[in-house]
């Protein structure tokens, strides 16, 4: 599977590619009361959980090769098109994201 996550402006639809990533990893992360992560691999966005999308393997010399959101607050829409399954959502920090799972 291949996934992508892109931040966007809900008023203009303009994408912010500096707040984005893509790759074979799409994990939803729920932090328990001890602040320990409970990770679900190959997940789509889930209300109350953070999303982490990117790669498990280093492809750059950066400290991370993925992008992680704050917890999902609201699922705005989900739909399928010819190339992917899509979910648009808002996070607790007020950011808007477009998540894709490519076929």
N, C-alpha and C. Protein backbone atom coordinates (compact mmCIF):
# COMPACT_ATOMS: atom_id res chain seq x y z
N UNK A 1 0.83 -1.18 0.00
CA UNK A 1 0.00 0.00 0.00
C UNK A 1 0.88 1.25 0.00
N UNK A 2 0.33 2.29 -0.58
CA UNK A 2 0.99 3.60 -0.56
C UNK A 2 -0.01 4.63 -0.07
N UNK A 3 0.46 5.54 0.78
CA UNK A 3 -0.39 6.54 1.40
C UNK A 3 0.21 7.93 1.21
N UNK A 4 -0.64 8.95 1.32
CA UNK A 4 -0.15 10.33 1.36
C UNK A 4 -0.99 11.12 2.35
N UNK A 5 -0.37 12.15 2.91
CA UNK A 5 -1.02 13.05 3.86
C UNK A 5 -0.55 14.45 3.52
N UNK A 6 -1.51 15.36 3.23
CA UNK A 6 -1.18 16.72 2.84
C UNK A 6 -2.04 17.70 3.62
N UNK A 7 -1.40 18.71 4.19
CA UNK A 7 -2.11 19.79 4.86
C UNK A 7 -2.68 20.73 3.79
N UNK A 8 -3.88 21.27 4.03
CA UNK A 8 -4.47 22.19 3.05
C UNK A 8 -5.27 23.28 3.73
N UNK A 9 -5.50 24.37 3.00
CA UNK A 9 -6.31 25.47 3.48
C UNK A 9 -7.75 25.19 3.07
N UNK A 10 -8.69 25.06 4.02
CA UNK A 10 -10.06 24.70 3.67
C UNK A 10 -10.81 25.79 2.89
N UNK A 11 -10.35 27.04 2.99
CA UNK A 11 -11.02 28.12 2.28
C UNK A 11 -10.62 28.20 0.81
N UNK A 12 -9.34 27.93 0.53
CA UNK A 12 -8.85 28.06 -0.85
C UNK A 12 -8.55 26.72 -1.50
N UNK A 13 -8.39 25.66 -0.69
CA UNK A 13 -8.00 24.37 -1.23
C UNK A 13 -6.51 24.25 -1.49
N UNK A 14 -5.76 25.35 -1.24
CA UNK A 14 -4.32 25.35 -1.48
C UNK A 14 -3.61 24.37 -0.55
N UNK A 15 -2.72 23.56 -1.13
CA UNK A 15 -2.00 22.54 -0.36
C UNK A 15 -0.67 23.10 0.14
N UNK A 16 -0.28 22.66 1.34
CA UNK A 16 0.99 23.04 1.94
C UNK A 16 1.89 21.81 1.94
N UNK A 17 2.75 21.69 0.92
CA UNK A 17 3.57 20.49 0.77
C UNK A 17 4.72 20.43 1.77
N UNK A 18 4.93 21.49 2.56
CA UNK A 18 5.92 21.44 3.63
C UNK A 18 5.36 20.74 4.87
N UNK A 19 4.04 20.58 4.89
CA UNK A 19 3.38 19.84 5.97
C UNK A 19 2.71 18.63 5.34
N UNK A 20 3.55 17.71 4.86
CA UNK A 20 3.03 16.56 4.13
C UNK A 20 4.08 15.47 4.07
N UNK A 21 3.62 14.26 3.74
CA UNK A 21 4.54 13.16 3.47
C UNK A 21 3.77 12.05 2.78
N UNK A 22 4.50 11.08 2.26
CA UNK A 22 3.88 9.92 1.63
C UNK A 22 4.81 8.73 1.79
N UNK A 23 4.25 7.55 1.64
CA UNK A 23 5.05 6.34 1.76
C UNK A 23 4.20 5.14 2.10
N UNK A 24 4.85 4.09 2.56
CA UNK A 24 4.17 2.82 2.84
C UNK A 24 3.62 2.73 4.26
N UNK A 25 3.83 3.79 5.08
CA UNK A 25 3.36 3.77 6.47
C UNK A 25 2.17 4.71 6.64
N UNK A 26 1.10 4.20 7.23
CA UNK A 26 -0.04 5.02 7.66
C UNK A 26 -0.53 4.43 8.98
N UNK A 27 -0.12 5.07 10.06
CA UNK A 27 -0.45 4.57 11.40
C UNK A 27 -1.34 5.55 12.13
N UNK A 28 -2.34 5.03 12.83
CA UNK A 28 -3.10 5.85 13.77
C UNK A 28 -2.53 5.56 15.15
N UNK A 29 -2.39 6.60 15.95
CA UNK A 29 -1.72 6.48 17.24
C UNK A 29 -2.61 7.06 18.33
N UNK A 30 -2.94 6.23 19.30
CA UNK A 30 -3.72 6.65 20.46
C UNK A 30 -2.78 6.60 21.66
N UNK A 31 -2.66 7.72 22.37
CA UNK A 31 -1.82 7.77 23.56
C UNK A 31 -2.68 7.46 24.77
N UNK A 32 -2.27 6.44 25.55
CA UNK A 32 -3.05 6.04 26.72
C UNK A 32 -2.78 6.99 27.89
N UNK A 33 -3.38 6.70 29.04
CA UNK A 33 -3.25 7.60 30.19
C UNK A 33 -1.82 7.72 30.71
N UNK A 34 -0.94 6.76 30.39
CA UNK A 34 0.47 6.83 30.76
C UNK A 34 1.31 7.48 29.67
N UNK A 35 0.64 8.05 28.67
CA UNK A 35 1.28 8.69 27.51
C UNK A 35 2.11 7.71 26.67
N UNK A 36 1.73 6.44 26.72
CA UNK A 36 2.37 5.42 25.90
C UNK A 36 1.55 5.26 24.62
N UNK A 37 2.22 5.18 23.45
CA UNK A 37 1.46 5.09 22.20
C UNK A 37 0.93 3.68 21.94
N UNK A 38 -0.30 3.62 21.47
CA UNK A 38 -0.91 2.38 20.98
C UNK A 38 -1.09 2.59 19.49
N UNK A 39 -0.32 1.85 18.69
CA UNK A 39 -0.23 2.10 17.25
C UNK A 39 -1.02 1.05 16.46
N UNK A 40 -1.84 1.53 15.53
CA UNK A 40 -2.55 0.67 14.59
C UNK A 40 -1.95 0.92 13.21
N UNK A 41 -1.32 -0.10 12.63
CA UNK A 41 -0.67 0.06 11.33
C UNK A 41 -1.68 -0.03 10.19
N UNK A 42 -1.34 0.61 9.07
CA UNK A 42 -2.16 0.63 7.84
C UNK A 42 -3.58 1.10 8.13
N UNK A 43 -3.67 2.17 8.90
CA UNK A 43 -4.96 2.70 9.34
C UNK A 43 -5.34 3.95 8.57
N UNK A 44 -6.62 4.18 8.47
CA UNK A 44 -7.11 5.45 7.96
C UNK A 44 -7.36 6.35 9.17
N UNK A 45 -7.62 7.66 8.96
CA UNK A 45 -7.84 8.55 10.10
C UNK A 45 -8.99 8.10 11.01
N UNK A 46 -8.75 8.22 12.33
CA UNK A 46 -9.71 7.83 13.36
C UNK A 46 -9.86 9.00 14.33
N UNK A 47 -11.08 9.37 14.66
CA UNK A 47 -11.31 10.47 15.60
C UNK A 47 -10.64 10.15 16.94
N UNK A 48 -9.90 11.14 17.47
CA UNK A 48 -9.22 10.99 18.75
C UNK A 48 -7.81 10.44 18.65
N UNK A 49 -7.39 10.05 17.45
CA UNK A 49 -6.05 9.47 17.28
C UNK A 49 -5.22 10.33 16.34
N UNK A 50 -3.90 10.34 16.55
CA UNK A 50 -2.97 11.04 15.66
C UNK A 50 -2.73 10.18 14.43
N UNK A 51 -2.39 10.82 13.32
CA UNK A 51 -2.02 10.09 12.10
C UNK A 51 -0.55 10.32 11.82
N UNK A 52 0.16 9.24 11.47
CA UNK A 52 1.56 9.31 11.07
C UNK A 52 1.69 8.64 9.70
N UNK A 53 2.12 9.41 8.71
CA UNK A 53 2.25 8.90 7.35
C UNK A 53 3.66 9.18 6.86
N UNK A 54 4.26 8.21 6.18
CA UNK A 54 5.61 8.35 5.63
C UNK A 54 6.20 6.99 5.33
N UNK A 55 7.43 6.80 5.79
CA UNK A 55 8.11 5.54 5.54
C UNK A 55 8.77 5.01 6.81
N UNK A 56 8.87 3.70 6.89
CA UNK A 56 9.56 3.06 8.01
C UNK A 56 11.07 3.13 7.84
N UNK A 57 11.51 3.32 6.61
CA UNK A 57 12.93 3.24 6.27
C UNK A 57 13.48 4.63 5.99
N UNK A 58 14.70 4.88 6.41
CA UNK A 58 15.32 6.18 6.17
C UNK A 58 15.55 6.37 4.67
N UNK A 59 15.09 7.49 4.16
CA UNK A 59 15.34 7.82 2.76
C UNK A 59 16.11 9.11 2.66
N UNK A 60 16.29 9.78 3.80
CA UNK A 60 17.09 11.00 3.86
C UNK A 60 17.95 10.93 5.11
N UNK A 61 18.75 11.94 5.31
CA UNK A 61 19.55 12.01 6.54
C UNK A 61 18.84 12.84 7.60
N UNK A 62 17.56 13.11 7.40
CA UNK A 62 16.78 13.87 8.37
C UNK A 62 16.48 12.99 9.59
N UNK A 63 16.04 13.62 10.64
CA UNK A 63 15.76 12.88 11.87
C UNK A 63 14.48 12.05 11.77
N UNK A 64 13.61 12.37 10.80
CA UNK A 64 12.39 11.59 10.63
C UNK A 64 12.01 11.58 9.15
N UNK A 65 11.34 10.55 8.76
CA UNK A 65 10.86 10.41 7.39
C UNK A 65 9.37 10.16 7.38
N UNK A 66 8.65 10.96 8.17
CA UNK A 66 7.20 10.85 8.26
C UNK A 66 6.65 12.17 8.78
N UNK A 67 5.32 12.32 8.66
CA UNK A 67 4.63 13.49 9.20
C UNK A 67 3.56 12.99 10.15
N UNK A 68 3.45 13.61 11.32
CA UNK A 68 2.45 13.21 12.30
C UNK A 68 1.56 14.39 12.65
N UNK A 69 0.26 14.14 12.72
CA UNK A 69 -0.71 15.18 13.08
C UNK A 69 -1.00 15.14 14.57
N UNK A 70 -1.68 16.17 15.05
CA UNK A 70 -2.28 16.12 16.38
C UNK A 70 -3.54 15.27 16.25
N UNK A 71 -4.21 14.93 17.34
CA UNK A 71 -5.38 14.05 17.24
C UNK A 71 -6.46 14.57 16.28
N UNK A 72 -7.06 13.64 15.56
CA UNK A 72 -8.14 13.96 14.63
C UNK A 72 -9.35 14.38 15.45
N UNK A 73 -9.90 15.54 15.11
CA UNK A 73 -11.06 16.06 15.83
C UNK A 73 -12.36 15.81 15.07
N UNK A 74 -12.29 15.88 13.74
CA UNK A 74 -13.50 15.75 12.94
C UNK A 74 -13.18 15.19 11.55
N UNK A 75 -13.94 14.19 11.12
CA UNK A 75 -13.85 13.69 9.75
C UNK A 75 -14.80 14.55 8.92
N UNK A 76 -14.26 15.26 7.94
CA UNK A 76 -15.06 16.17 7.13
C UNK A 76 -15.74 15.46 5.97
N UNK A 77 -15.01 14.56 5.31
CA UNK A 77 -15.59 13.77 4.22
C UNK A 77 -14.68 12.59 3.91
N UNK A 78 -15.27 11.56 3.38
CA UNK A 78 -14.51 10.41 2.87
C UNK A 78 -15.17 9.98 1.57
N UNK A 79 -14.33 9.61 0.59
CA UNK A 79 -14.85 9.26 -0.72
C UNK A 79 -13.80 8.44 -1.48
N UNK A 80 -14.25 7.77 -2.51
CA UNK A 80 -13.36 7.01 -3.39
C UNK A 80 -13.37 7.66 -4.76
N UNK A 81 -12.21 7.65 -5.41
CA UNK A 81 -12.14 8.04 -6.80
C UNK A 81 -11.38 6.95 -7.55
N UNK A 82 -11.02 7.19 -8.78
CA UNK A 82 -10.40 6.15 -9.61
C UNK A 82 -9.06 5.68 -9.08
N UNK A 83 -8.32 6.58 -8.39
CA UNK A 83 -6.97 6.21 -7.98
C UNK A 83 -6.81 5.91 -6.49
N UNK A 84 -7.79 6.33 -5.65
CA UNK A 84 -7.55 6.20 -4.21
C UNK A 84 -8.82 6.30 -3.38
N UNK A 85 -8.65 5.91 -2.09
CA UNK A 85 -9.66 6.16 -1.06
C UNK A 85 -9.19 7.40 -0.32
N UNK A 86 -10.05 8.38 -0.09
CA UNK A 86 -9.68 9.68 0.45
C UNK A 86 -10.44 10.01 1.72
N UNK A 87 -9.77 10.68 2.65
CA UNK A 87 -10.41 11.19 3.86
C UNK A 87 -9.87 12.59 4.11
N UNK A 88 -10.78 13.55 4.29
CA UNK A 88 -10.40 14.90 4.69
C UNK A 88 -10.82 15.07 6.14
N UNK A 89 -9.92 15.65 6.96
CA UNK A 89 -10.21 15.77 8.38
C UNK A 89 -9.56 17.01 8.99
N UNK A 90 -10.05 17.38 10.17
CA UNK A 90 -9.53 18.49 10.94
C UNK A 90 -8.91 17.94 12.21
N UNK A 91 -7.78 18.53 12.63
CA UNK A 91 -7.11 18.07 13.84
C UNK A 91 -7.37 19.02 15.01
N UNK A 92 -6.98 18.58 16.17
CA UNK A 92 -7.16 19.37 17.40
C UNK A 92 -6.45 20.73 17.31
N UNK A 93 -5.34 20.79 16.57
CA UNK A 93 -4.60 22.05 16.44
C UNK A 93 -5.25 23.01 15.44
N UNK A 94 -6.31 22.55 14.76
CA UNK A 94 -7.00 23.40 13.79
C UNK A 94 -6.51 23.24 12.37
N UNK A 95 -5.58 22.32 12.13
CA UNK A 95 -5.09 22.08 10.77
C UNK A 95 -6.04 21.16 10.02
N UNK A 96 -6.05 21.29 8.71
CA UNK A 96 -6.88 20.45 7.84
C UNK A 96 -5.97 19.59 6.98
N UNK A 97 -6.31 18.29 6.87
CA UNK A 97 -5.49 17.35 6.12
C UNK A 97 -6.32 16.54 5.13
N UNK A 98 -5.64 16.15 4.06
CA UNK A 98 -6.22 15.24 3.06
C UNK A 98 -5.34 13.99 3.07
N UNK A 99 -5.92 12.87 3.47
CA UNK A 99 -5.24 11.58 3.55
C UNK A 99 -5.71 10.72 2.37
N UNK A 100 -4.76 10.00 1.74
CA UNK A 100 -5.11 9.11 0.63
C UNK A 100 -4.47 7.74 0.81
N UNK A 101 -5.24 6.72 0.42
CA UNK A 101 -4.72 5.36 0.30
C UNK A 101 -4.85 5.00 -1.17
N UNK A 102 -3.70 4.85 -1.84
CA UNK A 102 -3.70 4.57 -3.27
C UNK A 102 -3.95 3.10 -3.54
N UNK A 103 -4.62 2.82 -4.65
CA UNK A 103 -4.92 1.44 -5.03
C UNK A 103 -3.74 0.78 -5.66
